[in-house]
């Protein structure tokens, strides 16, 4: 019938706490076919086994959206492949939510707009930074005020990315527990200024300044650094190899560097040598976001 592809995402981006997100070139892919009964087939170990289709996270999301439109989901065979590790700070739940919304959109012929898809994703996820990047692609800045999320996608960022994925998980709720509950006005003003300058530098192509601001965050990185082994070594070594800036990806424990365009593979190879217990990979910003391809021949 059709194929759904959703990129992974990295949120926060230093001072862009709970606001800035980027789509990266790792993907969750669903191949969907007509069937007499529901079936989810996992082709990768990155997706946990689910015995009953009713308990599958993507099915739950799709059914929730279908219920909002008084639609009954027709059964389908869904073959899933994922390059997005769970609980590593690369937006695995956001990718699944966007995929589930699109699954309902296609199966029920809902003709959802981009705005409607984002509203549903934020309603389910609770915050917009990861889901907006998954849906829209590229570098997206968002804010949620009361129940409404506003967003803007930046022009294409001309850098490579390098990700450092450790072999352990870090739950978002655990990463949030170490953050302060209150922020003084003076500190908040400075922290906001750092974030504003980072975005301005990205918009004007000053990646050196943008990277400096990424590493000057006051909102969350200094508090979460203690939860992430090798945090300071990764930042220092990446900078010595030419990275503009290195930050925690989402809530961690993965970290991500913005590096000069064309140098990602070389920097990743050297960082892999320094971090043999990590999965280090050069990635690109995915500018396309959610993609749906109708399989005409099937």
C-alpha atoms as a PDB file:
ATOM      1  CA  UNK A   1       0.000   0.000   0.000  1.00  0.00           C
ATOM      2  CA  UNK A   2       2.463   2.646   1.180  1.00  0.00           C
ATOM      3  CA  UNK A   3       5.722   3.332   3.006  1.00  0.00           C
ATOM      4  CA  UNK A   4       6.178   5.851   5.840  1.00  0.00           C
ATOM      5  CA  UNK A   5       9.651   7.197   6.635  1.00  0.00           C
ATOM      6  CA  UNK A   6      10.345   9.396   9.664  1.00  0.00           C
ATOM      7  CA  UNK A   7      13.780  10.783  10.627  1.00  0.00           C
ATOM      8  CA  UNK A   8      15.321  10.646  14.062  1.00  0.00           C
ATOM      9  CA  UNK A   9      15.741  13.943  15.873  1.00  0.00           C
ATOM     10  CA  UNK A  10      17.962  15.763  18.325  1.00  0.00           C
ATOM     11  CA  UNK A  11      16.374  18.318  20.632  1.00  0.00           C
ATOM     12  CA  UNK A  12      17.492  21.142  22.941  1.00  0.00           C
ATOM     13  CA  UNK A  13      20.668  21.928  20.915  1.00  0.00           C
ATOM     14  CA  UNK A  14      22.462  23.520  23.838  1.00  0.00           C
ATOM     15  CA  UNK A  15      20.606  26.692  24.893  1.00  0.00           C
ATOM     16  CA  UNK A  16      17.579  25.826  22.734  1.00  0.00           C
ATOM     17  CA  UNK A  17      16.148  23.960  25.720  1.00  0.00           C
ATOM     18  CA  UNK A  18      12.713  22.424  25.018  1.00  0.00           C
ATOM     19  CA  UNK A  19      12.583  24.582  21.897  1.00  0.00           C
ATOM     20  CA  UNK A  20      15.155  23.763  19.199  1.00  0.00           C
ATOM     21  CA  UNK A  21      15.213  20.463  17.334  1.00  0.00           C
ATOM     22  CA  UNK A  22      16.928  19.035  14.275  1.00  0.00           C
ATOM     23  CA  UNK A  23      16.025  16.070  12.088  1.00  0.00           C
ATOM     24  CA  UNK A  24      18.958  13.722  11.460  1.00  0.00           C
ATOM     25  CA  UNK A  25      19.616  11.067   8.832  1.00  0.00           C
ATOM     26  CA  UNK A  26      18.600   7.974  10.749  1.00  0.00           C
ATOM     27  CA  UNK A  27      15.129   6.647  10.066  1.00  0.00           C
ATOM     28  CA  UNK A  28      12.102   4.738  11.279  1.00  0.00           C
ATOM     29  CA  UNK A  29      10.455   3.079   8.277  1.00  0.00           C
ATOM     30  CA  UNK A  30       7.025   1.427   8.055  1.00  0.00           C
ATOM     31  CA  UNK A  31       5.977  -0.646   5.050  1.00  0.00           C
ATOM     32  CA  UNK A  32       2.217  -1.007   5.215  1.00  0.00           C
ATOM     33  CA  UNK A  33       0.100  -3.569   3.332  1.00  0.00           C
ATOM     34  CA  UNK A  34      -3.560  -4.551   3.378  1.00  0.00           C
ATOM     35  CA  UNK A  35      -4.250  -7.558   5.590  1.00  0.00           C
ATOM     36  CA  UNK A  36      -7.074  -9.562   7.144  1.00  0.00           C
ATOM     37  CA  UNK A  37      -5.784  -8.835  10.650  1.00  0.00           C
ATOM     38  CA  UNK A  38      -3.312  -6.523  12.306  1.00  0.00           C
ATOM     39  CA  UNK A  39       0.317  -7.610  12.378  1.00  0.00           C
ATOM     40  CA  UNK A  40       3.531  -5.768  13.241  1.00  0.00           C
ATOM     41  CA  UNK A  41       6.741  -7.313  11.911  1.00  0.00           C
ATOM     42  CA  UNK A  42      10.003  -5.983  13.346  1.00  0.00           C
ATOM     43  CA  UNK A  43      13.124  -6.363  11.229  1.00  0.00           C
ATOM     44  CA  UNK A  44      15.550  -4.834  13.719  1.00  0.00           C
ATOM     45  CA  UNK A  45      16.477  -5.433  17.351  1.00  0.00           C
ATOM     46  CA  UNK A  46      16.131  -1.707  18.098  1.00  0.00           C
ATOM     47  CA  UNK A  47      12.342  -2.153  18.284  1.00  0.00           C
ATOM     48  CA  UNK A  48      11.107  -4.040  21.379  1.00  0.00           C
ATOM     49  CA  UNK A  49       8.987  -7.144  20.870  1.00  0.00           C
ATOM     50  CA  UNK A  50       5.238  -6.669  21.388  1.00  0.00           C
ATOM     51  CA  UNK A  51       3.021  -9.765  21.519  1.00  0.00           C
ATOM     52  CA  UNK A  52      -0.389  -8.167  21.013  1.00  0.00           C
ATOM     53  CA  UNK A  53      -0.918  -5.577  18.290  1.00  0.00           C
ATOM     54  CA  UNK A  54      -3.202  -3.609  20.631  1.00  0.00           C
ATOM     55  CA  UNK A  55      -0.191  -2.995  22.881  1.00  0.00           C
ATOM     56  CA  UNK A  56       2.042  -1.704  20.090  1.00  0.00           C
ATOM     57  CA  UNK A  57       2.896   1.956  20.655  1.00  0.00           C
ATOM     58  CA  UNK A  58       2.429   2.950  17.007  1.00  0.00           C
ATOM     59  CA  UNK A  59      -0.930   1.188  16.856  1.00  0.00           C
ATOM     60  CA  UNK A  60      -2.045   3.005  20.022  1.00  0.00           C
ATOM     61  CA  UNK A  61      -1.128   6.355  18.473  1.00  0.00           C
ATOM     62  CA  UNK A  62      -2.872   5.524  15.198  1.00  0.00           C
ATOM     63  CA  UNK A  63      -6.001   4.338  16.986  1.00  0.00           C
ATOM     64  CA  UNK A  64      -6.094   7.452  19.146  1.00  0.00           C
ATOM     65  CA  UNK A  65      -5.999   9.682  16.063  1.00  0.00           C
ATOM     66  CA  UNK A  66      -8.577   7.503  14.295  1.00  0.00           C
ATOM     67  CA  UNK A  67     -10.872   7.703  17.337  1.00  0.00           C
ATOM     68  CA  UNK A  68     -10.632  11.497  17.297  1.00  0.00           C
ATOM     69  CA  UNK A  69     -12.057  11.317  13.762  1.00  0.00           C
ATOM     70  CA  UNK A  70     -14.618   8.572  14.490  1.00  0.00           C
ATOM     71  CA  UNK A  71     -12.795   6.237  12.134  1.00  0.00           C
ATOM     72  CA  UNK A  72     -12.194   2.505  12.533  1.00  0.00           C
ATOM     73  CA  UNK A  73      -8.678   1.524  11.495  1.00  0.00           C
ATOM     74  CA  UNK A  74      -8.735  -1.177   8.811  1.00  0.00           C
ATOM     75  CA  UNK A  75      -6.314  -4.037   9.579  1.00  0.00           C
ATOM     76  CA  UNK A  76      -2.846  -3.855   8.066  1.00  0.00           C
ATOM     77  CA  UNK A  77       0.471  -5.674   8.028  1.00  0.00           C
ATOM     78  CA  UNK A  78       3.165  -3.238   9.150  1.00  0.00           C
ATOM     79  CA  UNK A  79       6.805  -4.149   8.589  1.00  0.00           C
ATOM     80  CA  UNK A  80       9.050  -1.911  10.670  1.00  0.00           C
ATOM     81  CA  UNK A  81      12.730  -1.099  10.381  1.00  0.00           C
ATOM     82  CA  UNK A  82      14.411   1.333  12.785  1.00  0.00           C
ATOM     83  CA  UNK A  83      17.815   2.995  12.932  1.00  0.00           C
ATOM     84  CA  UNK A  84      16.766   4.995  16.016  1.00  0.00           C
ATOM     85  CA  UNK A  85      17.953   3.556  19.356  1.00  0.00           C
ATOM     86  CA  UNK A  86      15.599   3.761  22.334  1.00  0.00           C
ATOM     87  CA  UNK A  87      16.253   6.097  25.284  1.00  0.00           C
ATOM     88  CA  UNK A  88      19.436   7.532  23.765  1.00  0.00           C
ATOM     89  CA  UNK A  89      18.333  11.118  23.072  1.00  0.00           C
ATOM     90  CA  UNK A  90      17.541  10.707  19.360  1.00  0.00           C
ATOM     91  CA  UNK A  91      13.768  11.095  19.597  1.00  0.00           C
ATOM     92  CA  UNK A  92      12.672   7.471  19.211  1.00  0.00           C
ATOM     93  CA  UNK A  93       9.248   8.163  20.736  1.00  0.00           C
ATOM     94  CA  UNK A  94       8.765  11.267  18.585  1.00  0.00           C
ATOM     95  CA  UNK A  95       9.524   9.297  15.403  1.00  0.00           C
ATOM     96  CA  UNK A  96       7.026   6.621  16.458  1.00  0.00           C
ATOM     97  CA  UNK A  97       4.344   9.209  17.256  1.00  0.00           C
ATOM     98  CA  UNK A  98       4.688  10.938  13.891  1.00  0.00           C
ATOM     99  CA  UNK A  99       4.633   7.533  12.162  1.00  0.00           C
ATOM    100  CA  UNK A 100       1.509   6.507  14.077  1.00  0.00           C
ATOM    101  CA  UNK A 101      -0.304   9.727  13.171  1.00  0.00           C
ATOM    102  CA  UNK A 102       0.563   9.253   9.513  1.00  0.00           C
ATOM    103  CA  UNK A 103      -0.526   5.608   9.649  1.00  0.00           C
ATOM    104  CA  UNK A 104      -3.992   6.727  10.760  1.00  0.00           C
ATOM    105  CA  UNK A 105      -3.950   9.552   8.226  1.00  0.00           C
ATOM    106  CA  UNK A 106      -3.360   7.110   5.379  1.00  0.00           C
ATOM    107  CA  UNK A 107      -5.560   4.220   6.498  1.00  0.00           C
ATOM    108  CA  UNK A 108      -8.535   6.462   7.300  1.00  0.00           C
ATOM    109  CA  UNK A 109      -8.027   8.964   4.433  1.00  0.00           C
ATOM    110  CA  UNK A 110      -8.047  11.842   6.901  1.00  0.00           C
ATOM    111  CA  UNK A 111      -6.135  14.316   4.688  1.00  0.00           C
ATOM    112  CA  UNK A 112      -4.533  15.898   7.750  1.00  0.00           C
ATOM    113  CA  UNK A 113      -2.691  19.160   7.267  1.00  0.00           C
ATOM    114  CA  UNK A 114       0.842  19.754   8.520  1.00  0.00           C
ATOM    115  CA  UNK A 115      -0.598  21.890  11.298  1.00  0.00           C
ATOM    116  CA  UNK A 116      -3.058  19.177  12.362  1.00  0.00           C
ATOM    117  CA  UNK A 117      -0.347  16.510  12.402  1.00  0.00           C
ATOM    118  CA  UNK A 118       1.860  18.697  14.588  1.00  0.00           C
ATOM    119  CA  UNK A 119      -1.003  19.527  16.960  1.00  0.00           C
ATOM    120  CA  UNK A 120      -1.786  15.834  17.400  1.00  0.00           C
ATOM    121  CA  UNK A 121       1.901  15.003  17.883  1.00  0.00           C
ATOM    122  CA  UNK A 122       2.306  17.675  20.556  1.00  0.00           C
ATOM    123  CA  UNK A 123      -0.894  16.553  22.263  1.00  0.00           C
ATOM    124  CA  UNK A 124       0.470  13.004  22.492  1.00  0.00           C
ATOM    125  CA  UNK A 125       4.153  13.773  23.154  1.00  0.00           C
ATOM    126  CA  UNK A 126       3.592  16.779  25.426  1.00  0.00           C
ATOM    127  CA  UNK A 127       6.257  19.018  23.889  1.00  0.00           C
ATOM    128  CA  UNK A 128       6.947  20.114  20.303  1.00  0.00           C
ATOM    129  CA  UNK A 129      10.726  20.158  19.740  1.00  0.00           C
ATOM    130  CA  UNK A 130      11.355  16.542  18.675  1.00  0.00           C
ATOM    131  CA  UNK A 131       8.054  15.925  16.879  1.00  0.00           C
ATOM    132  CA  UNK A 132       8.285  19.173  14.899  1.00  0.00           C
ATOM    133  CA  UNK A 133      11.738  18.229  13.625  1.00  0.00           C
ATOM    134  CA  UNK A 134      10.567  14.696  12.728  1.00  0.00           C
ATOM    135  CA  UNK A 135       7.564  16.062  10.877  1.00  0.00           C
ATOM    136  CA  UNK A 136       9.111  19.057   9.108  1.00  0.00           C
ATOM    137  CA  UNK A 137      12.784  18.125   8.809  1.00  0.00           C
ATOM    138  CA  UNK A 138      15.730  20.491   9.174  1.00  0.00           C
ATOM    139  CA  UNK A 139      16.333  22.811  12.134  1.00  0.00           C
ATOM    140  CA  UNK A 140      13.036  23.814  13.741  1.00  0.00           C
ATOM    141  CA  UNK A 141      12.414  26.280  16.567  1.00  0.00           C
ATOM    142  CA  UNK A 142       9.216  25.787  18.546  1.00  0.00           C
ATOM    143  CA  UNK A 143       7.389  27.083  21.574  1.00  0.00           C
ATOM    144  CA  UNK A 144       4.328  25.738  23.371  1.00  0.00           C
ATOM    145  CA  UNK A 145       2.182  28.358  25.087  1.00  0.00           C
ATOM    146  CA  UNK A 146      -0.771  26.913  26.945  1.00  0.00           C
ATOM    147  CA  UNK A 147      -2.105  24.313  24.491  1.00  0.00           C
ATOM    148  CA  UNK A 148      -0.843  25.890  21.268  1.00  0.00           C
ATOM    149  CA  UNK A 149       2.533  25.171  19.648  1.00  0.00           C
ATOM    150  CA  UNK A 150       4.091  27.673  17.267  1.00  0.00           C
ATOM    151  CA  UNK A 151       7.012  26.778  15.047  1.00  0.00           C
ATOM    152  CA  UNK A 152       9.406  28.021  12.386  1.00  0.00           C
ATOM    153  CA  UNK A 153      11.808  26.013  10.249  1.00  0.00           C
ATOM    154  CA  UNK A 154      15.179  27.662   9.663  1.00  0.00           C
ATOM    155  CA  UNK A 155      16.839  27.775   6.240  1.00  0.00           C
ATOM    156  CA  UNK A 156      19.128  24.788   5.606  1.00  0.00           C
ATOM    157  CA  UNK A 157      22.116  24.608   7.968  1.00  0.00           C
ATOM    158  CA  UNK A 158      25.329  23.954   6.010  1.00  0.00           C
ATOM    159  CA  UNK A 159      27.098  21.605   8.427  1.00  0.00           C
ATOM    160  CA  UNK A 160      27.705  17.916   8.950  1.00  0.00           C
ATOM    161  CA  UNK A 161      26.780  16.205  12.200  1.00  0.00           C
ATOM    162  CA  UNK A 162      28.660  13.659  14.285  1.00  0.00           C
ATOM    163  CA  UNK A 163      26.784  11.630  16.902  1.00  0.00           C
ATOM    164  CA  UNK A 164      28.273   9.719  19.837  1.00  0.00           C
ATOM    165  CA  UNK A 165      25.902   6.963  20.951  1.00  0.00           C
ATOM    166  CA  UNK A 166      26.883   5.079  24.131  1.00  0.00           C
ATOM    167  CA  UNK A 167      25.792   1.542  24.935  1.00  0.00           C
ATOM    168  CA  UNK A 168      23.529   2.552  27.848  1.00  0.00           C
ATOM    169  CA  UNK A 169      20.167   4.268  28.172  1.00  0.00           C
ATOM    170  CA  UNK A 170      19.152   7.439  30.008  1.00  0.00           C
ATOM    171  CA  UNK A 171      15.462   8.006  30.643  1.00  0.00           C
ATOM    172  CA  UNK A 172      14.200  11.524  30.018  1.00  0.00           C
ATOM    173  CA  UNK A 173      12.498  11.645  33.424  1.00  0.00           C
ATOM    174  CA  UNK A 174      15.817  10.870  35.134  1.00  0.00           C
ATOM    175  CA  UNK A 175      17.560  13.613  33.162  1.00  0.00           C
ATOM    176  CA  UNK A 176      14.861  16.095  34.163  1.00  0.00           C
ATOM    177  CA  UNK A 177      15.184  15.308  37.861  1.00  0.00           C
ATOM    178  CA  UNK A 178      18.621  16.958  38.030  1.00  0.00           C
ATOM    179  CA  UNK A 179      17.365  20.285  36.657  1.00  0.00           C
ATOM    180  CA  UNK A 180      16.569  23.222  38.952  1.00  0.00           C
ATOM    181  CA  UNK A 181      12.917  24.013  39.559  1.00  0.00           C
ATOM    182  CA  UNK A 182      13.436  27.774  39.459  1.00  0.00           C
ATOM    183  CA  UNK A 183      15.656  30.192  37.548  1.00  0.00           C
ATOM    184  CA  UNK A 184      16.601  33.697  38.657  1.00  0.00           C
ATOM    185  CA  UNK A 185      15.651  36.597  36.384  1.00  0.00           C
ATOM    186  CA  UNK A 186      19.270  37.615  35.728  1.00  0.00           C
ATOM    187  CA  UNK A 187      20.305  34.055  34.873  1.00  0.00           C
ATOM    188  CA  UNK A 188      17.217  33.558  32.706  1.00  0.00           C
ATOM    189  CA  UNK A 189      17.961  36.734  30.745  1.00  0.00           C
ATOM    190  CA  UNK A 190      21.540  35.642  30.101  1.00  0.00           C
ATOM    191  CA  UNK A 191      20.494  32.110  29.159  1.00  0.00           C
ATOM    192  CA  UNK A 192      17.867  33.455  26.746  1.00  0.00           C
ATOM    193  CA  UNK A 193      20.432  35.792  25.214  1.00  0.00           C
ATOM    194  CA  UNK A 194      22.762  32.850  24.575  1.00  0.00           C
ATOM    195  CA  UNK A 195      19.954  30.996  22.825  1.00  0.00           C
ATOM    196  CA  UNK A 196      18.950  34.029  20.759  1.00  0.00           C
ATOM    197  CA  UNK A 197      22.520  34.591  19.647  1.00  0.00           C
ATOM    198  CA  UNK A 198      22.936  30.942  18.672  1.00  0.00           C
ATOM    199  CA  UNK A 199      19.893  31.136  16.388  1.00  0.00           C
ATOM    200  CA  UNK A 200      21.046  34.464  14.924  1.00  0.00           C
ATOM    201  CA  UNK A 201      24.482  33.012  14.221  1.00  0.00           C
ATOM    202  CA  UNK A 202      22.960  29.971  12.495  1.00  0.00           C
ATOM    203  CA  UNK A 203      20.751  32.195  10.349  1.00  0.00           C
ATOM    204  CA  UNK A 204      23.727  34.260   9.226  1.00  0.00           C
ATOM    205  CA  UNK A 205      26.052  31.287   8.656  1.00  0.00           C
ATOM    206  CA  UNK A 206      28.433  32.165  11.492  1.00  0.00           C
ATOM    207  CA  UNK A 207      28.888  28.589  12.672  1.00  0.00           C
ATOM    208  CA  UNK A 208      31.898  29.378  14.842  1.00  0.00           C
ATOM    209  CA  UNK A 209      29.783  31.739  16.952  1.00  0.00           C
ATOM    210  CA  UNK A 210      26.809  29.374  16.857  1.00  0.00           C
ATOM    211  CA  UNK A 211      29.002  26.551  18.177  1.00  0.00           C
ATOM    212  CA  UNK A 212      30.378  28.758  20.928  1.00  0.00           C
ATOM    213  CA  UNK A 213      26.840  29.603  22.028  1.00  0.00           C
ATOM    214  CA  UNK A 214      25.822  25.926  21.871  1.00  0.00           C
ATOM    215  CA  UNK A 215      28.516  25.172  24.421  1.00  0.00           C
ATOM    216  CA  UNK A 216      27.555  28.164  26.594  1.00  0.00           C
ATOM    217  CA  UNK A 217      24.133  26.870  27.623  1.00  0.00           C
ATOM    218  CA  UNK A 218      22.941  27.744  31.134  1.00  0.00           C
ATOM    219  CA  UNK A 219      19.569  25.971  31.111  1.00  0.00           C
ATOM    220  CA  UNK A 220      20.419  22.277  31.383  1.00  0.00           C
ATOM    221  CA  UNK A 221      23.804  21.050  30.121  1.00  0.00           C
ATOM    222  CA  UNK A 222      25.856  21.783  33.245  1.00  0.00           C
ATOM    223  CA  UNK A 223      23.329  19.904  35.386  1.00  0.00           C
ATOM    224  CA  UNK A 224      23.108  16.877  33.095  1.00  0.00           C
ATOM    225  CA  UNK A 225      26.823  16.609  32.376  1.00  0.00           C
ATOM    226  CA  UNK A 226      27.358  14.483  35.490  1.00  0.00           C
ATOM    227  CA  UNK A 227      24.942  11.875  34.096  1.00  0.00           C
ATOM    228  CA  UNK A 228      26.950  11.449  30.898  1.00  0.00           C
ATOM    229  CA  UNK A 229      30.370   9.757  31.045  1.00  0.00           C
ATOM    230  CA  UNK A 230      33.047  11.378  28.848  1.00  0.00           C
ATOM    231  CA  UNK A 231      30.950  14.552  28.455  1.00  0.00           C
ATOM    232  CA  UNK A 232      33.858  16.966  28.751  1.00  0.00           C
ATOM    233  CA  UNK A 233      36.307  14.751  26.853  1.00  0.00           C
ATOM    234  CA  UNK A 234      33.923  14.447  23.918  1.00  0.00           C
ATOM    235  CA  UNK A 235      33.413  18.217  23.736  1.00  0.00           C
ATOM    236  CA  UNK A 236      37.131  18.960  24.050  1.00  0.00           C
ATOM    237  CA  UNK A 237      38.324  16.337  21.579  1.00  0.00           C
ATOM    238  CA  UNK A 238      35.675  17.228  19.016  1.00  0.00           C
ATOM    239  CA  UNK A 239      36.606  20.915  19.270  1.00  0.00           C
ATOM    240  CA  UNK A 240      40.279  20.065  18.754  1.00  0.00           C
ATOM    241  CA  UNK A 241      39.306  18.199  15.576  1.00  0.00           C
ATOM    242  CA  UNK A 242      37.432  21.206  14.202  1.00  0.00           C
ATOM    243  CA  UNK A 243      33.859  20.854  15.514  1.00  0.00           C
ATOM    244  CA  UNK A 244      31.945  24.115  15.849  1.00  0.00           C
ATOM    245  CA  UNK A 245      30.076  22.939  18.939  1.00  0.00           C
ATOM    246  CA  UNK A 246      29.065  19.760  20.773  1.00  0.00           C
ATOM    247  CA  UNK A 247      25.935  19.370  22.882  1.00  0.00           C
ATOM    248  CA  UNK A 248      23.802  16.753  24.589  1.00  0.00           C
ATOM    249  CA  UNK A 249      21.301  15.276  22.146  1.00  0.00           C
ATOM    250  CA  UNK A 250      17.890  15.641  23.738  1.00  0.00           C
ATOM    251  CA  UNK A 251      18.138  14.483  27.337  1.00  0.00           C
ATOM    252  CA  UNK A 252      21.164  12.316  26.508  1.00  0.00           C
ATOM    253  CA  UNK A 253      23.162  10.179  26.836  1.00  0.00           C
ATOM    254  CA  UNK A 254      23.993  10.632  23.114  1.00  0.00           C
ATOM    255  CA  UNK A 255      25.966  13.751  22.252  1.00  0.00           C
ATOM    256  CA  UNK A 256      26.053  15.507  18.893  1.00  0.00           C
ATOM    257  CA  UNK A 257      28.585  17.781  17.201  1.00  0.00           C
ATOM    258  CA  UNK A 258      27.989  20.335  14.468  1.00  0.00           C
ATOM    259  CA  UNK A 259      31.084  20.157  12.248  1.00  0.00           C
ATOM    260  CA  UNK A 260      32.233  21.772   8.986  1.00  0.00           C
ATOM    261  CA  UNK A 261      30.453  20.484   5.903  1.00  0.00           C
ATOM    262  CA  UNK A 262      32.412  17.654   4.293  1.00  0.00           C
ATOM    263  CA  UNK A 263      34.477  16.880   7.387  1.00  0.00           C
ATOM    264  CA  UNK A 264      31.993  14.698   9.254  1.00  0.00           C
ATOM    265  CA  UNK A 265      33.380  11.344   8.121  1.00  0.00           C
ATOM    266  CA  UNK A 266      36.965  12.219   9.026  1.00  0.00           C
ATOM    267  CA  UNK A 267      36.065  13.641  12.444  1.00  0.00           C
ATOM    268  CA  UNK A 268      33.790  10.693  13.188  1.00  0.00           C
ATOM    269  CA  UNK A 269      36.551   8.209  12.337  1.00  0.00           C
ATOM    270  CA  UNK A 270      38.998   9.896  14.696  1.00  0.00           C
ATOM    271  CA  UNK A 271      36.440  10.213  17.483  1.00  0.00           C
ATOM    272  CA  UNK A 272      35.550   6.531  17.066  1.00  0.00           C
ATOM    273  CA  UNK A 273      39.199   5.708  17.703  1.00  0.00           C
ATOM    274  CA  UNK A 274      39.070   7.762  20.899  1.00  0.00           C
ATOM    275  CA  UNK A 275      35.710   6.261  21.953  1.00  0.00           C
ATOM    276  CA  UNK A 276      35.907   2.533  21.138  1.00  0.00           C
ATOM    277  CA  UNK A 277      32.896   1.710  23.336  1.00  0.00           C
ATOM    278  CA  UNK A 278      30.654   4.198  21.513  1.00  0.00           C
ATOM    279  CA  UNK A 279      28.909   4.112  18.168  1.00  0.00           C
ATOM    280  CA  UNK A 280      30.244   7.209  16.434  1.00  0.00           C
ATOM    281  CA  UNK A 281      28.715   8.177  13.105  1.00  0.00           C
ATOM    282  CA  UNK A 282      28.705  11.069  10.674  1.00  0.00           C
ATOM    283  CA  UNK A 283      25.154  12.140   9.800  1.00  0.00           C
ATOM    284  CA  UNK A 284      23.412  14.856   7.805  1.00  0.00           C
ATOM    285  CA  UNK A 285      20.531  17.110   8.717  1.00  0.00           C
ATOM    286  CA  UNK A 286      17.432  15.635   7.106  1.00  0.00           C
ATOM    287  CA  UNK A 287      15.592  18.506   5.437  1.00  0.00           C
ATOM    288  CA  UNK A 288      12.583  16.446   4.295  1.00  0.00           C
ATOM    289  CA  UNK A 289      11.018  15.196   7.524  1.00  0.00           C
ATOM    290  CA  UNK A 290       8.062  12.827   7.242  1.00  0.00           C
ATOM    291  CA  UNK A 291       7.841  11.123   3.849  1.00  0.00           C
ATOM    292  CA  UNK A 292       5.085   8.901   2.430  1.00  0.00           C
ATOM    293  CA  UNK A 293       5.501   6.824  -0.709  1.00  0.00           C
ATOM    294  CA  UNK A 294       2.579   4.997  -2.299  1.00  0.00           C
ATOM    295  CA  UNK A 295       3.625   1.543  -3.501  1.00  0.00           C
ATOM    296  CA  UNK A 296       1.752   1.483  -6.811  1.00  0.00           C
ATOM    297  CA  UNK A 297       3.053  -1.942  -7.846  1.00  0.00           C
ATOM    298  CA  UNK A 298       1.754  -3.574  -4.662  1.00  0.00           C
END
